[in-house]
PDB file of N, CA and C in Angstrom:
ATOM      1  N   MET A   1     134.825 199.709  37.887  1.00  0.00           N
ATOM      2  CA  MET A   1     135.442 200.797  37.032  1.00  0.00           C
ATOM      3  C   MET A   1     136.970 200.194  37.066  1.00  0.00           C
ATOM      4  N   VAL A   2     137.525 200.375  35.858  1.00  0.00           N
ATOM      5  CA  VAL A   2     138.765 199.865  35.867  1.00  0.00           C
ATOM      6  C   VAL A   2     139.879 201.107  35.917  1.00  0.00           C
ATOM      7  N   THR A   3     140.910 201.267  36.842  1.00  0.00           N
ATOM      8  CA  THR A   3     141.857 202.098  36.884  1.00  0.00           C
ATOM      9  C   THR A   3     142.449 202.460  35.922  1.00  0.00           C
ATOM     10  N   THR A   4     143.157 203.341  35.677  1.00  0.00           N
ATOM     11  CA  THR A   4     144.435 203.916  34.723  1.00  0.00           C
ATOM     12  C   THR A   4     145.371 203.071  34.838  1.00  0.00           C
ATOM     13  N   ARG A   5     146.151 202.583  36.080  1.00  0.00           N
ATOM     14  CA  ARG A   5     146.928 201.723  36.570  1.00  0.00           C
ATOM     15  C   ARG A   5     146.817 200.509  35.783  1.00  0.00           C
ATOM     16  N   ARG A   6     145.545 199.775  35.926  1.00  0.00           N
ATOM     17  CA  ARG A   6     145.299 198.796  35.730  1.00  0.00           C
ATOM     18  C   ARG A   6     145.250 198.793  34.022  1.00  0.00           C
ATOM     19  N   LYS A   7     144.351 199.716  33.422  1.00  0.00           N
ATOM     20  CA  LYS A   7     144.496 199.724  31.875  1.00  0.00           C
ATOM     21  C   LYS A   7     145.906 199.783  31.407  1.00  0.00           C
ATOM     22  N   LYS A   8     146.712 200.162  31.899  1.00  0.00           N
ATOM     23  CA  LYS A   8     148.358 200.658  31.438  1.00  0.00           C
ATOM     24  C   LYS A   8     149.058 198.875  31.845  1.00  0.00           C
ATOM     25  N   LYS A   9     148.692 198.449  32.863  1.00  0.00           N
ATOM     26  CA  LYS A   9     149.239 197.330  32.791  1.00  0.00           C
ATOM     27  C   LYS A   9     148.872 195.937  31.667  1.00  0.00           C
ATOM     28  N   GLU A  10     147.357 196.330  31.472  1.00  0.00           N
ATOM     29  CA  GLU A  10     146.695 195.430  30.458  1.00  0.00           C
ATOM     30  C   GLU A  10     147.208 196.028  29.297  1.00  0.00           C
ATOM     31  N   LYS A  11     147.379 196.804  28.852  1.00  0.00           N
ATOM     32  CA  LYS A  11     147.725 197.394  27.572  1.00  0.00           C
ATOM     33  C   LYS A  11     149.396 196.957  27.529  1.00  0.00           C
ATOM     34  N   ASP A  12     150.158 196.737  28.496  1.00  0.00           N
ATOM     35  CA  ASP A  12     151.620 196.258  28.720  1.00  0.00           C
ATOM     36  C   ASP A  12     151.448 194.769  28.196  1.00  0.00           C
ATOM     37  N   VAL A  13     150.797 194.040  28.714  1.00  0.00           N
ATOM     38  CA  VAL A  13     150.474 192.594  28.762  1.00  0.00           C
ATOM     39  C   VAL A  13     150.074 192.338  27.016  1.00  0.00           C
ATOM     40  N   LEU A  14     149.210 193.071  26.500  1.00  0.00           N
ATOM     41  CA  LEU A  14     148.932 192.875  25.083  1.00  0.00           C
ATOM     42  C   LEU A  14     149.822 193.384  24.458  1.00  0.00           C
ATOM     43  N   ASP A  15     150.678 194.212  24.429  1.00  0.00           N
ATOM     44  CA  ASP A  15     151.744 194.951  23.569  1.00  0.00           C
ATOM     45  C   ASP A  15     152.751 193.726  23.460  1.00  0.00           C
ATOM     46  N   GLN A  16     152.805 193.012  24.525  1.00  0.00           N
ATOM     47  CA  GLN A  16     153.947 191.794  24.648  1.00  0.00           C
ATOM     48  C   GLN A  16     153.525 190.641  23.614  1.00  0.00           C
ATOM     49  N   ILE A  17     152.512 190.503  24.074  1.00  0.00           N
ATOM     50  CA  ILE A  17     151.775 189.551  23.203  1.00  0.00           C
ATOM     51  C   ILE A  17     151.755 189.837  21.584  1.00  0.00           C
ATOM     52  N   LEU A  18     151.431 190.778  21.606  1.00  0.00           N
ATOM     53  CA  LEU A  18     151.254 191.394  20.257  1.00  0.00           C
ATOM     54  C   LEU A  18     152.541 191.568  19.352  1.00  0.00           C
ATOM     55  N   ASP A  19     153.547 191.644  20.310  1.00  0.00           N
ATOM     56  CA  ASP A  19     155.045 191.672  19.660  1.00  0.00           C
ATOM     57  C   ASP A  19     155.560 190.384  19.202  1.00  0.00           C
ATOM     58  N   THR A  20     154.846 189.200  19.611  1.00  0.00           N
ATOM     59  CA  THR A  20     155.380 188.049  19.277  1.00  0.00           C
ATOM     60  C   THR A  20     154.852 187.626  18.248  1.00  0.00           C
ATOM     61  N   VAL A  21     154.039 188.411  17.341  1.00  0.00           N
ATOM     62  CA  VAL A  21     152.908 187.935  16.093  1.00  0.00           C
ATOM     63  C   VAL A  21     153.862 188.916  15.151  1.00  0.00           C
ATOM     64  N   ASP A  22     154.357 188.246  13.865  1.00  0.00           N
ATOM     65  CA  ASP A  22     154.876 188.913  12.516  1.00  0.00           C
ATOM     66  C   ASP A  22     153.717 189.275  11.634  1.00  0.00           C
ATOM     67  N   PHE A  23     153.389 190.625  11.719  1.00  0.00           N
ATOM     68  CA  PHE A  23     151.893 190.983  10.870  1.00  0.00           C
ATOM     69  C   PHE A  23     152.324 191.012   9.424  1.00  0.00           C
ATOM     70  N   ARG A  24     153.850 191.091   9.232  1.00  0.00           N
ATOM     71  CA  ARG A  24     154.153 191.425   8.127  1.00  0.00           C
ATOM     72  C   ARG A  24     153.520 190.371   6.972  1.00  0.00           C
ATOM     73  N   GLY A  25     153.157 191.274   5.773  1.00  0.00           N
ATOM     74  CA  GLY A  25     152.526 189.910   4.672  1.00  0.00           C
ATOM     75  C   GLY A  25     151.265 189.591   5.022  1.00  0.00           C
ATOM     76  N   LEU A  26     150.466 190.019   5.938  1.00  0.00           N
ATOM     77  CA  LEU A  26     149.476 189.324   6.196  1.00  0.00           C
ATOM     78  C   LEU A  26     148.001 190.140   5.367  1.00  0.00           C
ATOM     79  N   THR A  27     147.343 189.269   4.916  1.00  0.00           N
ATOM     80  CA  THR A  27     146.102 189.818   4.021  1.00  0.00           C
ATOM     81  C   THR A  27     144.928 190.488   5.142  1.00  0.00           C
ATOM     82  N   ARG A  28     144.359 191.346   4.616  1.00  0.00           N
ATOM     83  CA  ARG A  28     143.284 191.524   5.407  1.00  0.00           C
ATOM     84  C   ARG A  28     142.320 190.665   6.007  1.00  0.00           C
ATOM     85  N   ASP A  29     142.067 189.376   4.932  1.00  0.00           N
ATOM     86  CA  ASP A  29     141.305 188.072   5.388  1.00  0.00           C
ATOM     87  C   ASP A  29     141.776 187.260   6.410  1.00  0.00           C
ATOM     88  N   GLU A  30     143.263 187.431   6.425  1.00  0.00           N
ATOM     89  CA  GLU A  30     144.066 186.637   7.422  1.00  0.00           C
ATOM     90  C   GLU A  30     143.681 187.417   9.066  1.00  0.00           C
ATOM     91  N   VAL A  31     143.507 188.694   8.777  1.00  0.00           N
ATOM     92  CA  VAL A  31     143.480 189.532   9.834  1.00  0.00           C
ATOM     93  C   VAL A  31     142.006 189.501  10.407  1.00  0.00           C
ATOM     94  N   VAL A  32     141.097 189.886   9.726  1.00  0.00           N
ATOM     95  CA  VAL A  32     139.562 190.080   9.839  1.00  0.00           C
ATOM     96  C   VAL A  32     138.649 189.212   9.270  1.00  0.00           C
ATOM     97  N   GLY A  33     139.017 188.596   8.890  1.00  0.00           N
ATOM     98  CA  GLY A  33     138.386 187.358   7.689  1.00  0.00           C
ATOM     99  C   GLY A  33     137.640 186.284   8.430  1.00  0.00           C
ATOM    100  N   LYS A  34     136.612 185.539   7.872  1.00  0.00           N
ATOM    101  CA  LYS A  34     135.875 184.641   8.394  1.00  0.00           C
ATOM    102  C   LYS A  34     136.819 183.628   9.275  1.00  0.00           C
ATOM    103  N   ASP A  35     137.882 183.048   9.366  1.00  0.00           N
ATOM    104  CA  ASP A  35     138.728 182.574   9.957  1.00  0.00           C
ATOM    105  C   ASP A  35     140.045 183.101  10.643  1.00  0.00           C
ATOM    106  N   GLY A  36     139.957 184.846  10.629  1.00  0.00           N
ATOM    107  CA  GLY A  36     141.328 185.434  10.790  1.00  0.00           C
ATOM    108  C   GLY A  36     141.413 185.470  12.314  1.00  0.00           C
ATOM    109  N   LEU A  37     142.587 186.231  12.204  1.00  0.00           N
ATOM    110  CA  LEU A  37     143.331 185.930  13.628  1.00  0.00           C
ATOM    111  C   LEU A  37     142.396 186.861  14.926  1.00  0.00           C
ATOM    112  N   ILE A  38     141.401 187.720  14.577  1.00  0.00           N
ATOM    113  CA  ILE A  38     140.605 188.690  15.376  1.00  0.00           C
ATOM    114  C   ILE A  38     139.632 187.466  16.185  1.00  0.00           C
ATOM    115  N   LYS A  39     138.869 186.695  15.074  1.00  0.00           N
ATOM    116  CA  LYS A  39     137.834 185.680  15.529  1.00  0.00           C
ATOM    117  C   LYS A  39     138.663 184.499  15.902  1.00  0.00           C
ATOM    118  N   GLN A  40     139.856 184.220  15.837  1.00  0.00           N
ATOM    119  CA  GLN A  40     140.433 183.279  16.762  1.00  0.00           C
ATOM    120  C   GLN A  40     140.650 183.807  18.004  1.00  0.00           C
ATOM    121  N   LEU A  41     141.184 184.820  18.056  1.00  0.00           N
ATOM    122  CA  LEU A  41     141.718 185.095  19.500  1.00  0.00           C
ATOM    123  C   LEU A  41     140.373 185.627  20.069  1.00  0.00           C
ATOM    124  N   SER A  42     139.340 185.846  19.764  1.00  0.00           N
ATOM    125  CA  SER A  42     137.935 186.285  20.534  1.00  0.00           C
ATOM    126  C   SER A  42     137.644 185.003  21.068  1.00  0.00           C
ATOM    127  N   GLY A  43     137.641 183.791  20.390  1.00  0.00           N
ATOM    128  CA  GLY A  43     137.226 182.561  20.602  1.00  0.00           C
ATOM    129  C   GLY A  43     138.158 181.896  21.791  1.00  0.00           C
ATOM    130  N   ARG A  44     139.467 182.227  21.543  1.00  0.00           N
ATOM    131  CA  ARG A  44     140.813 181.822  22.516  1.00  0.00           C
ATOM    132  C   ARG A  44     140.466 182.578  24.037  1.00  0.00           C
ATOM    133  N   ILE A  45     140.092 183.907  23.964  1.00  0.00           N
ATOM    134  CA  ILE A  45     140.061 184.392  25.372  1.00  0.00           C
ATOM    135  C   ILE A  45     138.585 183.793  25.925  1.00  0.00           C
ATOM    136  N   LEU A  46     137.730 183.908  25.001  1.00  0.00           N
ATOM    137  CA  LEU A  46     136.245 183.483  25.716  1.00  0.00           C
ATOM    138  C   LEU A  46     136.557 182.111  26.371  1.00  0.00           C
ATOM    139  N   GLN A  47     137.354 181.051  25.722  1.00  0.00           N
ATOM    140  CA  GLN A  47     137.391 179.744  26.130  1.00  0.00           C
ATOM    141  C   GLN A  47     138.206 179.788  27.630  1.00  0.00           C
ATOM    142  N   ARG A  48     139.485 180.691  27.885  1.00  0.00           N
ATOM    143  CA  ARG A  48     140.060 180.888  28.848  1.00  0.00           C
ATOM    144  C   ARG A  48     139.074 181.584  30.106  1.00  0.00           C
ATOM    145  N   ALA A  49     138.163 182.412  29.510  1.00  0.00           N
ATOM    146  CA  ALA A  49     137.537 183.258  30.632  1.00  0.00           C
ATOM    147  C   ALA A  49     136.666 181.983  31.272  1.00  0.00           C
ATOM    148  N   LEU A  50     136.078 181.302  30.476  1.00  0.00           N
ATOM    149  CA  LEU A  50     135.258 180.375  30.628  1.00  0.00           C
ATOM    150  C   LEU A  50     135.793 179.347  31.882  1.00  0.00           C
ATOM    151  N   GLU A  51     137.123 178.853  31.548  1.00  0.00           N
ATOM    152  CA  GLU A  51     137.620 178.293  32.193  1.00  0.00           C
ATOM    153  C   GLU A  51     137.917 178.678  33.723  1.00  0.00           C
ATOM    154  N   ALA A  52     138.481 179.791  33.730  1.00  0.00           N
ATOM    155  CA  ALA A  52     138.569 180.420  34.615  1.00  0.00           C
ATOM    156  C   ALA A  52     137.482 180.830  35.811  1.00  0.00           C
ATOM    157  N   GLU A  53     136.277 181.069  35.275  1.00  0.00           N
ATOM    158  CA  GLU A  53     135.068 181.279  35.877  1.00  0.00           C
ATOM    159  C   GLU A  53     134.921 179.589  36.464  1.00  0.00           C
ATOM    160  N   MET A  54     134.759 178.809  35.937  1.00  0.00           N
ATOM    161  CA  MET A  54     134.476 177.238  36.365  1.00  0.00           C
ATOM    162  C   MET A  54     135.837 177.213  37.573  1.00  0.00           C
ATOM    163  N   THR A  55     136.838 177.384  37.429  1.00  0.00           N
ATOM    164  CA  THR A  55     137.815 177.369  38.583  1.00  0.00           C
ATOM    165  C   THR A  55     137.227 178.307  40.007  1.00  0.00           C
ATOM    166  N   GLY A  56     136.709 179.617  39.474  1.00  0.00           N
ATOM    167  CA  GLY A  56     136.322 180.210  40.688  1.00  0.00           C
ATOM    168  C   GLY A  56     134.841 179.727  41.305  1.00  0.00           C
ATOM    169  N   HIS A  57     133.985 179.045  40.394  1.00  0.00           N
ATOM    170  CA  HIS A  57     132.979 178.593  40.993  1.00  0.00           C
ATOM    171  C   HIS A  57     133.030 177.301  41.775  1.00  0.00           C
ATOM    172  N   LEU A  58     134.329 176.420  41.564  1.00  0.00           N
ATOM    173  CA  LEU A  58     134.495 175.191  42.124  1.00  0.00           C
ATOM    174  C   LEU A  58     135.436 175.534  43.150  1.00  0.00           C
ATOM    175  N   GLY A  59     136.096 176.777  43.141  1.00  0.00           N
ATOM    176  CA  GLY A  59     137.153 176.854  44.429  1.00  0.00           C
ATOM    177  C   GLY A  59     138.533 176.335  44.372  1.00  0.00           C
ATOM    178  N   TYR A  60     138.724 175.612  42.859  1.00  0.00           N
ATOM    179  CA  TYR A  60     140.208 174.845  43.283  1.00  0.00           C
ATOM    180  C   TYR A  60     140.655 174.930  41.404  1.00  0.00           C
ATOM    181  N   GLU A  61     141.910 174.575  41.408  1.00  0.00           N
ATOM    182  CA  GLU A  61     142.317 174.736  40.095  1.00  0.00           C
ATOM    183  C   GLU A  61     142.036 172.998  39.398  1.00  0.00           C
ATOM    184  N   LYS A  62     141.875 173.521  38.011  1.00  0.00           N
ATOM    185  CA  LYS A  62     141.728 171.843  37.399  1.00  0.00           C
ATOM    186  C   LYS A  62     143.236 171.014  37.508  1.00  0.00           C
ATOM    187  N   HIS A  63     142.523 169.787  38.020  1.00  0.00           N
ATOM    188  CA  HIS A  63     143.650 168.745  38.560  1.00  0.00           C
ATOM    189  C   HIS A  63     144.120 169.063  39.671  1.00  0.00           C
ATOM    190  N   SER A  64     143.820 169.774  40.715  1.00  0.00           N
ATOM    191  CA  SER A  64     144.342 170.154  41.692  1.00  0.00           C
ATOM    192  C   SER A  64     143.700 168.757  42.984  1.00  0.00           C
ATOM    193  N   ASN A  65     144.413 168.457  43.817  1.00  0.00           N
ATOM    194  CA  ASN A  65     143.848 167.601  44.686  1.00  0.00           C
ATOM    195  C   ASN A  65     142.990 168.325  45.693  1.00  0.00           C
ATOM    196  N   ALA A  66     142.821 169.411  45.815  1.00  0.00           N
ATOM    197  CA  ALA A  66     142.005 170.024  46.504  1.00  0.00           C
ATOM    198  C   ALA A  66     140.384 169.951  45.992  1.00  0.00           C
ATOM    199  N   GLY A  67     140.014 169.341  44.881  1.00  0.00           N
ATOM    200  CA  GLY A  67     139.028 168.914  44.381  1.00  0.00           C
ATOM    201  C   GLY A  67     138.421 167.598  44.988  1.00  0.00           C
ATOM    202  N   ASP A  68     139.302 166.901  45.314  1.00  0.00           N
ATOM    203  CA  ASP A  68     138.897 165.463  46.009  1.00  0.00           C
ATOM    204  C   ASP A  68     137.681 165.554  46.944  1.00  0.00           C
ATOM    205  N   ASN A  69     136.923 164.828  46.722  1.00  0.00           N
ATOM    206  CA  ASN A  69     135.776 164.807  47.654  1.00  0.00           C
ATOM    207  C   ASN A  69     135.288 166.396  48.032  1.00  0.00           C
ATOM    208  N   SER A  70     135.217 167.090  47.293  1.00  0.00           N
ATOM    209  CA  SER A  70     134.587 168.290  47.186  1.00  0.00           C
ATOM    210  C   SER A  70     133.030 168.307  47.633  1.00  0.00           C
ATOM    211  N   GLY A  71     132.543 167.535  46.477  1.00  0.00           N
ATOM    212  CA  GLY A  71     131.023 167.520  46.391  1.00  0.00           C
ATOM    213  C   GLY A  71     130.702 167.918  44.995  1.00  0.00           C
ATOM    214  N   ASN A  72     131.329 168.663  44.448  1.00  0.00           N
ATOM    215  CA  ASN A  72     131.194 168.879  42.874  1.00  0.00           C
ATOM    216  C   ASN A  72     132.531 169.221  42.514  1.00  0.00           C
ATOM    217  N   SER A  73     132.546 168.718  41.038  1.00  0.00           N
ATOM    218  CA  SER A  73     133.898 168.600  40.247  1.00  0.00           C
ATOM    219  C   SER A  73     133.585 168.898  38.190  1.00  0.00           C
ATOM    220  N   ARG A  74     134.743 169.099  37.904  1.00  0.00           N
ATOM    221  CA  ARG A  74     134.492 169.330  36.414  1.00  0.00           C
ATOM    222  C   ARG A  74     133.961 168.074  35.997  1.00  0.00           C
ATOM    223  N   ASN A  75     132.953 168.380  34.925  1.00  0.00           N
ATOM    224  CA  ASN A  75     132.530 167.399  34.195  1.00  0.00           C
ATOM    225  C   ASN A  75     131.949 167.277  32.691  1.00  0.00           C
ATOM    226  N   GLY A  76     133.309 167.698  31.965  1.00  0.00           N
ATOM    227  CA  GLY A  76     133.364 167.863  30.864  1.00  0.00           C
ATOM    228  C   GLY A  76     132.986 168.983  30.277  1.00  0.00           C
ATOM    229  N   HIS A  77     132.691 169.199  28.957  1.00  0.00           N
ATOM    230  CA  HIS A  77     132.395 170.564  28.267  1.00  0.00           C
ATOM    231  C   HIS A  77     130.957 170.104  27.507  1.00  0.00           C
ATOM    232  N   THR A  78     130.645 171.251  26.717  1.00  0.00           N
ATOM    233  CA  THR A  78     129.490 171.524  26.177  1.00  0.00           C
ATOM    234  C   THR A  78     130.065 172.475  25.027  1.00  0.00           C
ATOM    235  N   ARG A  79     129.961 171.647  23.589  1.00  0.00           N
ATOM    236  CA  ARG A  79     130.441 172.847  22.567  1.00  0.00           C
ATOM    237  C   ARG A  79     129.439 173.928  22.359  1.00  0.00           C
ATOM    238  N   LYS A  80     129.415 174.830  22.165  1.00  0.00           N
ATOM    239  CA  LYS A  80     128.424 176.184  21.884  1.00  0.00           C
ATOM    240  C   LYS A  80     129.008 176.905  20.783  1.00  0.00           C
ATOM    241  N   THR A  81     128.334 177.290  19.759  1.00  0.00           N
ATOM    242  CA  THR A  81     128.411 178.535  18.821  1.00  0.00           C
ATOM    243  C   THR A  81     127.825 179.808  19.343  1.00  0.00           C
ATOM    244  N   VAL A  82     129.062 180.375  19.317  1.00  0.00           N
ATOM    245  CA  VAL A  82     128.850 182.054  20.032  1.00  0.00           C
ATOM    246  C   VAL A  82     128.558 183.101  18.924  1.00  0.00           C
ATOM    247  N   LEU A  83     127.867 184.015  18.855  1.00  0.00           N
ATOM    248  CA  LEU A  83     127.559 184.942  18.183  1.00  0.00           C
ATOM    249  C   LEU A  83     128.672 186.266  18.626  1.00  0.00           C
ATOM    250  N   LEU A  84     129.530 186.683  17.641  1.00  0.00           N
ATOM    251  CA  LEU A  84     130.389 187.800  17.877  1.00  0.00           C
ATOM    252  C   LEU A  84     130.185 188.988  16.843  1.00  0.00           C
ATOM    253  N   GLU A  85     130.693 190.025  17.449  1.00  0.00           N
ATOM    254  CA  GLU A  85     130.524 191.243  16.046  1.00  0.00           C
ATOM    255  C   GLU A  85     131.287 190.744  14.862  1.00  0.00           C
ATOM    256  N   ASN A  86     132.412 189.850  14.803  1.00  0.00           N
ATOM    257  CA  ASN A  86     133.029 189.711  13.440  1.00  0.00           C
ATOM    258  C   ASN A  86     132.357 188.312  13.136  1.00  0.00           C
ATOM    259  N   GLY A  87     131.471 187.462  13.640  1.00  0.00           N
ATOM    260  CA  GLY A  87     130.884 186.391  13.016  1.00  0.00           C
ATOM    261  C   GLY A  87     130.727 185.477  14.083  1.00  0.00           C
ATOM    262  N   SER A  88     130.757 183.996  14.116  1.00  0.00           N
ATOM    263  CA  SER A  88     130.374 182.959  15.208  1.00  0.00           C
ATOM    264  C   SER A  88     131.890 182.588  15.538  1.00  0.00           C
ATOM    265  N   THR A  89     132.039 181.990  16.343  1.00  0.00           N
ATOM    266  CA  THR A  89     132.886 180.981  16.650  1.00  0.00           C
ATOM    267  C   THR A  89     132.505 179.974  17.836  1.00  0.00           C
ATOM    268  N   THR A  90     133.144 178.988  17.998  1.00  0.00           N
ATOM    269  CA  THR A  90     132.630 177.632  18.711  1.00  0.00           C
ATOM    270  C   THR A  90     133.739 177.628  19.806  1.00  0.00           C
ATOM    271  N   VAL A  91     133.316 177.318  21.160  1.00  0.00           N
ATOM    272  CA  VAL A  91     133.601 177.594  22.200  1.00  0.00           C
ATOM    273  C   VAL A  91     133.298 176.163  23.053  1.00  0.00           C
ATOM    274  N   ASP A  92     134.087 175.639  24.093  1.00  0.00           N
ATOM    275  CA  ASP A  92     133.862 174.550  24.704  1.00  0.00           C
ATOM    276  C   ASP A  92     133.185 175.024  26.116  1.00  0.00           C
ATOM    277  N   VAL A  93     132.057 175.221  26.741  1.00  0.00           N
ATOM    278  CA  VAL A  93     131.653 175.444  27.766  1.00  0.00           C
ATOM    279  C   VAL A  93     131.659 174.377  28.691  1.00  0.00           C
ATOM    280  N   PRO A  94     132.497 174.737  29.664  1.00  0.00           N
ATOM    281  CA  PRO A  94     132.636 173.408  30.990  1.00  0.00           C
ATOM    282  C   PRO A  94     131.357 173.522  31.684  1.00  0.00           C
ATOM    283  N   ARG A  95     131.293 172.263  32.013  1.00  0.00           N
ATOM    284  CA  ARG A  95     130.305 171.661  33.036  1.00  0.00           C
ATOM    285  C   ARG A  95     130.950 171.094  34.256  1.00  0.00           C
ATOM    286  N   ASP A  96     130.001 171.241  35.391  1.00  0.00           N
ATOM    287  CA  ASP A  96     130.084 170.660  36.700  1.00  0.00           C
ATOM    288  C   ASP A  96     129.646 169.530  36.971  1.00  0.00           C
ATOM    289  N   ARG A  97     129.843 168.750  37.881  1.00  0.00           N
ATOM    290  CA  ARG A  97     129.083 167.687  37.852  1.00  0.00           C
ATOM    291  C   ARG A  97     127.427 167.793  38.798  1.00  0.00           C
ATOM    292  N   ASN A  98     127.336 168.810  39.380  1.00  0.00           N
ATOM    293  CA  ASN A  98     126.176 169.203  40.153  1.00  0.00           C
ATOM    294  C   ASN A  98     125.198 170.021  39.331  1.00  0.00           C
ATOM    295  N   GLY A  99     125.906 170.534  37.988  1.00  0.00           N
ATOM    296  CA  GLY A  99     124.971 171.312  37.273  1.00  0.00           C
ATOM    297  C   GLY A  99     124.867 172.728  37.585  1.00  0.00           C
ATOM    298  N   THR A 100     125.281 173.098  38.707  1.00  0.00           N
ATOM    299  CA  THR A 100     125.133 174.323  39.297  1.00  0.00           C
ATOM    300  C   THR A 100     126.080 175.689  38.712  1.00  0.00           C
ATOM    301  N   PHE A 101     126.869 175.421  37.662  1.00  0.00           N
ATOM    302  CA  PHE A 101     127.695 176.429  36.770  1.00  0.00           C
ATOM    303  C   PHE A 101     126.985 176.903  35.757  1.00  0.00           C
ATOM    304  N   GLU A 102     126.904 178.282  35.834  1.00  0.00           N
ATOM    305  CA  GLU A 102     126.214 179.223  35.250  1.00  0.00           C
ATOM    306  C   GLU A 102     127.178 180.324  34.590  1.00  0.00           C
ATOM    307  N   PRO A 103     128.008 180.002  33.457  1.00  0.00           N
ATOM    308  CA  PRO A 103     128.967 181.265  33.263  1.00  0.00           C
ATOM    309  C   PRO A 103     128.452 182.509  33.028  1.00  0.00           C
ATOM    310  N   VAL A 104     128.917 183.762  33.602  1.00  0.00           N
ATOM    311  CA  VAL A 104     128.629 185.150  33.696  1.00  0.00           C
ATOM    312  C   VAL A 104     129.133 185.503  32.368  1.00  0.00           C
ATOM    313  N   ILE A 105     130.156 184.917  31.877  1.00  0.00           N
ATOM    314  CA  ILE A 105     130.583 185.767  30.504  1.00  0.00           C
ATOM    315  C   ILE A 105     129.588 185.429  29.357  1.00  0.00           C
ATOM    316  N   LEU A 106     129.221 184.087  29.258  1.00  0.00           N
ATOM    317  CA  LEU A 106     128.382 183.867  28.116  1.00  0.00           C
ATOM    318  C   LEU A 106     127.000 183.113  28.895  1.00  0.00           C
ATOM    319  N   PRO A 107     126.223 183.940  29.488  1.00  0.00           N
ATOM    320  CA  PRO A 107     124.972 183.214  30.194  1.00  0.00           C
ATOM    321  C   PRO A 107     123.933 182.633  29.019  1.00  0.00           C
ATOM    322  N   SER A 108     123.337 181.825  29.343  1.00  0.00           N
ATOM    323  CA  SER A 108     122.320 180.855  28.579  1.00  0.00           C
ATOM    324  C   SER A 108     121.246 181.995  28.347  1.00  0.00           C
ATOM    325  N   THR A 109     120.559 182.248  27.190  1.00  0.00           N
ATOM    326  CA  THR A 109     119.171 183.017  26.881  1.00  0.00           C
ATOM    327  C   THR A 109     118.433 182.111  26.935  1.00  0.00           C
ATOM    328  N   ALA A 110     117.162 182.565  26.970  1.00  0.00           N
ATOM    329  CA  ALA A 110     115.604 181.590  26.887  1.00  0.00           C
ATOM    330  C   ALA A 110     115.747 180.369  25.960  1.00  0.00           C
ATOM    331  N   GLY A 111     116.305 180.763  24.883  1.00  0.00           N
ATOM    332  CA  GLY A 111     116.382 179.871  23.305  1.00  0.00           C
ATOM    333  C   GLY A 111     117.518 178.844  23.711  1.00  0.00           C
ATOM    334  N   GLY A 112     118.436 179.090  24.913  1.00  0.00           N
ATOM    335  CA  GLY A 112     119.404 178.008  24.764  1.00  0.00           C
ATOM    336  C   GLY A 112     120.595 178.019  24.297  1.00  0.00           C
ATOM    337  N   ARG A 113     120.561 179.367  23.241  1.00  0.00           N
ATOM    338  CA  ARG A 113     121.928 179.614  22.771  1.00  0.00           C
ATOM    339  C   ARG A 113     122.475 180.542  23.756  1.00  0.00           C
ATOM    340  N   ARG A 114     123.826 180.593  23.523  1.00  0.00           N
ATOM    341  CA  ARG A 114     124.863 181.740  24.165  1.00  0.00           C
ATOM    342  C   ARG A 114     125.552 182.539  23.261  1.00  0.00           C
ATOM    343  N   CYS A 115     125.028 183.611  23.988  1.00  0.00           N
ATOM    344  CA  CYS A 115     125.539 185.134  22.856  1.00  0.00           C
ATOM    345  C   CYS A 115     126.489 185.783  23.581  1.00  0.00           C
ATOM    346  N   SER A 116     127.437 186.566  23.326  1.00  0.00           N
ATOM    347  CA  SER A 116     128.111 187.478  23.809  1.00  0.00           C
ATOM    348  C   SER A 116     127.713 188.875  23.742  1.00  0.00           C
ATOM    349  N   THR A 117     127.993 189.678  24.484  1.00  0.00           N
ATOM    350  CA  THR A 117     127.571 191.107  24.181  1.00  0.00           C
ATOM    351  C   THR A 117     128.002 191.833  22.960  1.00  0.00           C
ATOM    352  N   SER A 118     127.360 192.855  22.585  1.00  0.00           N
ATOM    353  CA  SER A 118     127.272 193.187  20.928  1.00  0.00           C
ATOM    354  C   SER A 118     128.655 193.853  21.251  1.00  0.00           C
ATOM    355  N   ARG A 119     129.434 194.397  22.201  1.00  0.00           N
ATOM    356  CA  ARG A 119     130.666 195.209  22.192  1.00  0.00           C
ATOM    357  C   ARG A 119     131.938 194.261  22.420  1.00  0.00           C
ATOM    358  N   SER A 120     132.501 194.166  21.600  1.00  0.00           N
ATOM    359  CA  SER A 120     133.869 193.341  21.774  1.00  0.00           C
ATOM    360  C   SER A 120     134.732 193.861  23.181  1.00  0.00           C
ATOM    361  N   SER A 121     134.692 194.767  23.136  1.00  0.00           N
ATOM    362  CA  SER A 121     135.447 195.680  24.393  1.00  0.00           C
ATOM    363  C   SER A 121     134.938 195.081  25.752  1.00  0.00           C
ATOM    364  N   ARG A 122     133.732 194.677  25.915  1.00  0.00           N
ATOM    365  CA  ARG A 122     133.171 194.083  27.078  1.00  0.00           C
ATOM    366  C   ARG A 122     133.771 192.952  27.347  1.00  0.00           C
ATOM    367  N   LEU A 123     134.304 191.797  26.376  1.00  0.00           N
ATOM    368  CA  LEU A 123     134.898 191.010  26.695  1.00  0.00           C
ATOM    369  C   LEU A 123     136.218 191.320  27.952  1.00  0.00           C
ATOM    370  N   PHE A 124     136.839 192.178  27.258  1.00  0.00           N
ATOM    371  CA  PHE A 124     138.150 192.502  28.140  1.00  0.00           C
ATOM    372  C   PHE A 124     137.769 193.246  29.485  1.00  0.00           C
ATOM    373  N   SER A 125     136.390 193.434  29.703  1.00  0.00           N
ATOM    374  CA  SER A 125     136.373 193.963  31.058  1.00  0.00           C
ATOM    375  C   SER A 125     135.989 193.304  31.933  1.00  0.00           C
ATOM    376  N   PHE A 126     136.138 191.839  31.917  1.00  0.00           N
ATOM    377  CA  PHE A 126     135.638 190.765  33.243  1.00  0.00           C
ATOM    378  C   PHE A 126     136.978 190.547  33.730  1.00  0.00           C
ATOM    379  N   GLY A 127     137.438 190.712  34.944  1.00  0.00           N
ATOM    380  CA  GLY A 127     138.624 190.565  35.326  1.00  0.00           C
ATOM    381  C   GLY A 127     138.466 190.017  36.857  1.00  0.00           C
TER     382      GLY A 127
END
């Protein structure tokens, strides 16, 4: 469960980010359309979360010397289409050399497709 203090801190960070965007003159389509800001933001959040999961899985940051001779390392990405509430987006799911990385935020389904949760708010609950 997320505490009120953490929610307040997250809101402050989000507000700081949103303060840098000039929303004047944007059309509805530019915000919520097929390739609008919300879709782009969702894709980028997922991408960052996947990279963070890979860092946690391997136990070291990207390009860190700590990964030398660790027995497992990053091994490129696989492009996947992710279904979202507001359409779909493409993300690059990181791979590890041993093939043991299975992202929590976008688990594989039986059919091999990756799907996010049906509620966008769940994207922000992972921390």
